[in-house]
Amino acid sequence: MKAKCKVPVRESTGNIFADLGFPNAEREQLKAQLTLRIYRLIKERGLTQAQAGSILGIKQPHVSSLMRGQSGAFSVERLIDSLTALGQDVEISVKPAHRKHGEVLVHVA
């Protein structure tokens, strides 16, 4: 029987991109959440990628990238535009931070 190897475990910050040391972790988390919402809307409506592309004003290969969670080529602004094209309201609120450096929070209804 093999000896058990202890793997160091630490509690997540709630942002996998920050946990893994990605630069601009808050932006990447935001893009991932927006992309997931777009994915779910397209699936819920039973749209083909071509139909979704027509609604979003992008070509089918770009829709394919979004559907695979690859939002790297899209800005946060473009993802928000896509959500509004899909009939969603997007609210952005700004308030004083409790710490020296603020953070980005997204609440999806």
C-alpha atoms as a PDB file:
ATOM      1  CA  MET A   1       0.000   0.000   0.000  1.00  0.00           C
ATOM      2  CA  LYS A   2       1.339   3.454  -0.930  1.00  0.00           C
ATOM      3  CA  ALA A   3       1.966   6.076   1.685  1.00  0.00           C
ATOM      4  CA  LYS A   4      -0.462   8.980   1.520  1.00  0.00           C
ATOM      5  CA  CYS A   5       1.042  12.143   0.147  1.00  0.00           C
ATOM      6  CA  LYS A   6      -0.131  15.326   1.811  1.00  0.00           C
ATOM      7  CA  VAL A   7      -1.204  17.924  -0.715  1.00  0.00           C
ATOM      8  CA  PRO A   8      -1.290  21.501   0.554  1.00  0.00           C
ATOM      9  CA  VAL A   9      -4.817  22.883   0.491  1.00  0.00           C
ATOM     10  CA  ARG A  10      -5.864  26.454   0.958  1.00  0.00           C
ATOM     11  CA  GLU A  11      -9.256  28.107   0.993  1.00  0.00           C
ATOM     12  CA  SER A  12     -10.329  29.770  -2.230  1.00  0.00           C
ATOM     13  CA  THR A  13     -10.723  33.517  -2.478  1.00  0.00           C
ATOM     14  CA  GLY A  14     -13.865  32.916  -4.541  1.00  0.00           C
ATOM     15  CA  ASN A  15     -12.019  33.876  -7.715  1.00  0.00           C
ATOM     16  CA  ILE A  16     -10.207  30.982  -9.353  1.00  0.00           C
ATOM     17  CA  PHE A  17      -8.234  33.378 -11.546  1.00  0.00           C
ATOM     18  CA  ALA A  18      -6.830  35.137  -8.460  1.00  0.00           C
ATOM     19  CA  ASP A  19      -6.160  31.792  -6.786  1.00  0.00           C
ATOM     20  CA  LEU A  20      -4.104  30.722  -9.797  1.00  0.00           C
ATOM     21  CA  GLY A  21      -2.222  34.026  -9.956  1.00  0.00           C
ATOM     22  CA  PHE A  22      -3.673  35.335 -13.214  1.00  0.00           C
ATOM     23  CA  PRO A  23      -3.087  39.018 -13.956  1.00  0.00           C
ATOM     24  CA  ASN A  24      -6.327  41.059 -13.998  1.00  0.00           C
ATOM     25  CA  ALA A  25      -8.121  38.316 -12.088  1.00  0.00           C
ATOM     26  CA  GLU A  26     -11.230  40.413 -11.372  1.00  0.00           C
ATOM     27  CA  ARG A  27     -11.694  41.204 -15.062  1.00  0.00           C
ATOM     28  CA  GLU A  28     -11.231  37.550 -16.027  1.00  0.00           C
ATOM     29  CA  GLN A  29     -13.778  36.466 -13.404  1.00  0.00           C
ATOM     30  CA  LEU A  30     -16.242  39.063 -14.696  1.00  0.00           C
ATOM     31  CA  LYS A  31     -15.758  37.923 -18.289  1.00  0.00           C
ATOM     32  CA  ALA A  32     -16.282  34.295 -17.252  1.00  0.00           C
ATOM     33  CA  GLN A  33     -19.540  35.142 -15.472  1.00  0.00           C
ATOM     34  CA  LEU A  34     -20.853  37.199 -18.399  1.00  0.00           C
ATOM     35  CA  THR A  35     -19.871  34.476 -20.867  1.00  0.00           C
ATOM     36  CA  LEU A  36     -21.665  31.851 -18.779  1.00  0.00           C
ATOM     37  CA  ARG A  37     -24.832  33.954 -18.800  1.00  0.00           C
ATOM     38  CA  ILE A  38     -24.631  34.334 -22.599  1.00  0.00           C
ATOM     39  CA  TYR A  39     -24.117  30.576 -22.944  1.00  0.00           C
ATOM     40  CA  ARG A  40     -27.154  29.816 -20.780  1.00  0.00           C
ATOM     41  CA  LEU A  41     -29.375  32.252 -22.680  1.00  0.00           C
ATOM     42  CA  ILE A  42     -28.421  30.755 -26.037  1.00  0.00           C
ATOM     43  CA  LYS A  43     -29.045  27.217 -24.728  1.00  0.00           C
ATOM     44  CA  GLU A  44     -32.358  28.149 -23.029  1.00  0.00           C
ATOM     45  CA  ARG A  45     -33.649  29.657 -26.274  1.00  0.00           C
ATOM     46  CA  GLY A  46     -32.473  26.715 -28.368  1.00  0.00           C
ATOM     47  CA  LEU A  47     -30.616  29.000 -30.751  1.00  0.00           C
ATOM     48  CA  THR A  48     -28.161  27.661 -33.262  1.00  0.00           C
ATOM     49  CA  GLN A  49     -24.754  29.295 -33.265  1.00  0.00           C
ATOM     50  CA  ALA A  50     -25.618  30.966 -36.574  1.00  0.00           C
ATOM     51  CA  GLN A  51     -28.848  32.374 -35.120  1.00  0.00           C
ATOM     52  CA  ALA A  52     -27.021  33.567 -32.010  1.00  0.00           C
ATOM     53  CA  GLY A  53     -24.350  35.174 -34.174  1.00  0.00           C
ATOM     54  CA  SER A  54     -27.008  37.058 -36.096  1.00  0.00           C
ATOM     55  CA  ILE A  55     -28.517  38.381 -32.857  1.00  0.00           C
ATOM     56  CA  LEU A  56     -25.127  39.244 -31.357  1.00  0.00           C
ATOM     57  CA  GLY A  57     -23.697  40.729 -34.542  1.00  0.00           C
ATOM     58  CA  ILE A  58     -20.766  38.314 -34.643  1.00  0.00           C
ATOM     59  CA  LYS A  59     -19.799  35.400 -36.863  1.00  0.00           C
ATOM     60  CA  GLN A  60     -20.597  31.802 -35.938  1.00  0.00           C
ATOM     61  CA  PRO A  61     -16.971  30.858 -35.124  1.00  0.00           C
ATOM     62  CA  HIS A  62     -16.946  33.601 -32.469  1.00  0.00           C
ATOM     63  CA  VAL A  63     -20.186  32.250 -31.008  1.00  0.00           C
ATOM     64  CA  SER A  64     -18.536  28.830 -30.940  1.00  0.00           C
ATOM     65  CA  SER A  65     -15.669  30.291 -28.906  1.00  0.00           C
ATOM     66  CA  LEU A  66     -18.110  31.839 -26.433  1.00  0.00           C
ATOM     67  CA  MET A  67     -19.998  28.562 -26.117  1.00  0.00           C
ATOM     68  CA  ARG A  68     -16.719  26.857 -25.179  1.00  0.00           C
ATOM     69  CA  GLY A  69     -16.057  29.487 -22.504  1.00  0.00           C
ATOM     70  CA  GLN A  70     -13.302  31.181 -24.469  1.00  0.00           C
ATOM     71  CA  SER A  71     -14.004  34.840 -23.809  1.00  0.00           C
ATOM     72  CA  GLY A  72     -10.412  36.048 -24.195  1.00  0.00           C
ATOM     73  CA  ALA A  73     -11.021  37.822 -27.504  1.00  0.00           C
ATOM     74  CA  PHE A  74     -14.035  39.691 -26.109  1.00  0.00           C
ATOM     75  CA  SER A  75     -13.933  42.816 -23.977  1.00  0.00           C
ATOM     76  CA  VAL A  76     -16.215  43.201 -20.980  1.00  0.00           C
ATOM     77  CA  GLU A  77     -18.028  45.914 -22.939  1.00  0.00           C
ATOM     78  CA  ARG A  78     -18.627  43.561 -25.887  1.00  0.00           C
ATOM     79  CA  LEU A  79     -19.963  40.848 -23.583  1.00  0.00           C
ATOM     80  CA  ILE A  80     -22.342  43.365 -21.988  1.00  0.00           C
ATOM     81  CA  ASP A  81     -23.465  44.428 -25.475  1.00  0.00           C
ATOM     82  CA  SER A  82     -24.154  40.763 -26.240  1.00  0.00           C
ATOM     83  CA  LEU A  83     -26.296  40.425 -23.135  1.00  0.00           C
ATOM     84  CA  THR A  84     -28.355  43.482 -24.045  1.00  0.00           C
ATOM     85  CA  ALA A  85     -28.757  42.108 -27.593  1.00  0.00           C
ATOM     86  CA  LEU A  86     -30.177  38.969 -25.961  1.00  0.00           C
ATOM     87  CA  GLY A  87     -32.760  41.118 -24.143  1.00  0.00           C
ATOM     88  CA  GLN A  88     -31.048  41.389 -20.780  1.00  0.00           C
ATOM     89  CA  ASP A  89     -30.737  44.485 -18.592  1.00  0.00           C
ATOM     90  CA  VAL A  90     -27.248  45.016 -17.221  1.00  0.00           C
ATOM     91  CA  GLU A  91     -26.762  47.160 -14.123  1.00  0.00           C
ATOM     92  CA  ILE A  92     -23.408  48.500 -12.996  1.00  0.00           C
ATOM     93  CA  SER A  93     -23.101  50.150  -9.600  1.00  0.00           C
ATOM     94  CA  VAL A  94     -20.150  51.951  -8.088  1.00  0.00           C
ATOM     95  CA  LYS A  95     -19.740  52.543  -4.349  1.00  0.00           C
ATOM     96  CA  PRO A  96     -16.901  53.312  -1.966  1.00  0.00           C
ATOM     97  CA  ALA A  97     -14.640  50.360  -1.213  1.00  0.00           C
ATOM     98  CA  HIS A  98     -14.223  49.015   2.297  1.00  0.00           C
ATOM     99  CA  ARG A  99     -10.533  48.470   1.599  1.00  0.00           C
ATOM    100  CA  LYS A 100      -7.774  50.518   0.022  1.00  0.00           C
ATOM    101  CA  HIS A 101      -8.275  48.742  -3.317  1.00  0.00           C
ATOM    102  CA  GLY A 102     -11.792  48.106  -4.638  1.00  0.00           C
ATOM    103  CA  GLU A 103     -13.140  44.946  -6.218  1.00  0.00           C
ATOM    104  CA  VAL A 104     -15.567  43.985  -8.948  1.00  0.00           C
ATOM    105  CA  LEU A 105     -18.671  42.023  -7.962  1.00  0.00           C
ATOM    106  CA  VAL A 106     -21.226  40.603 -10.361  1.00  0.00           C
ATOM    107  CA  HIS A 107     -24.698  39.487  -9.351  1.00  0.00           C
ATOM    108  CA  VAL A 108     -26.557  37.528 -12.011  1.00  0.00           C
ATOM    109  CA  ALA A 109     -30.296  37.165 -11.540  1.00  0.00           C
END
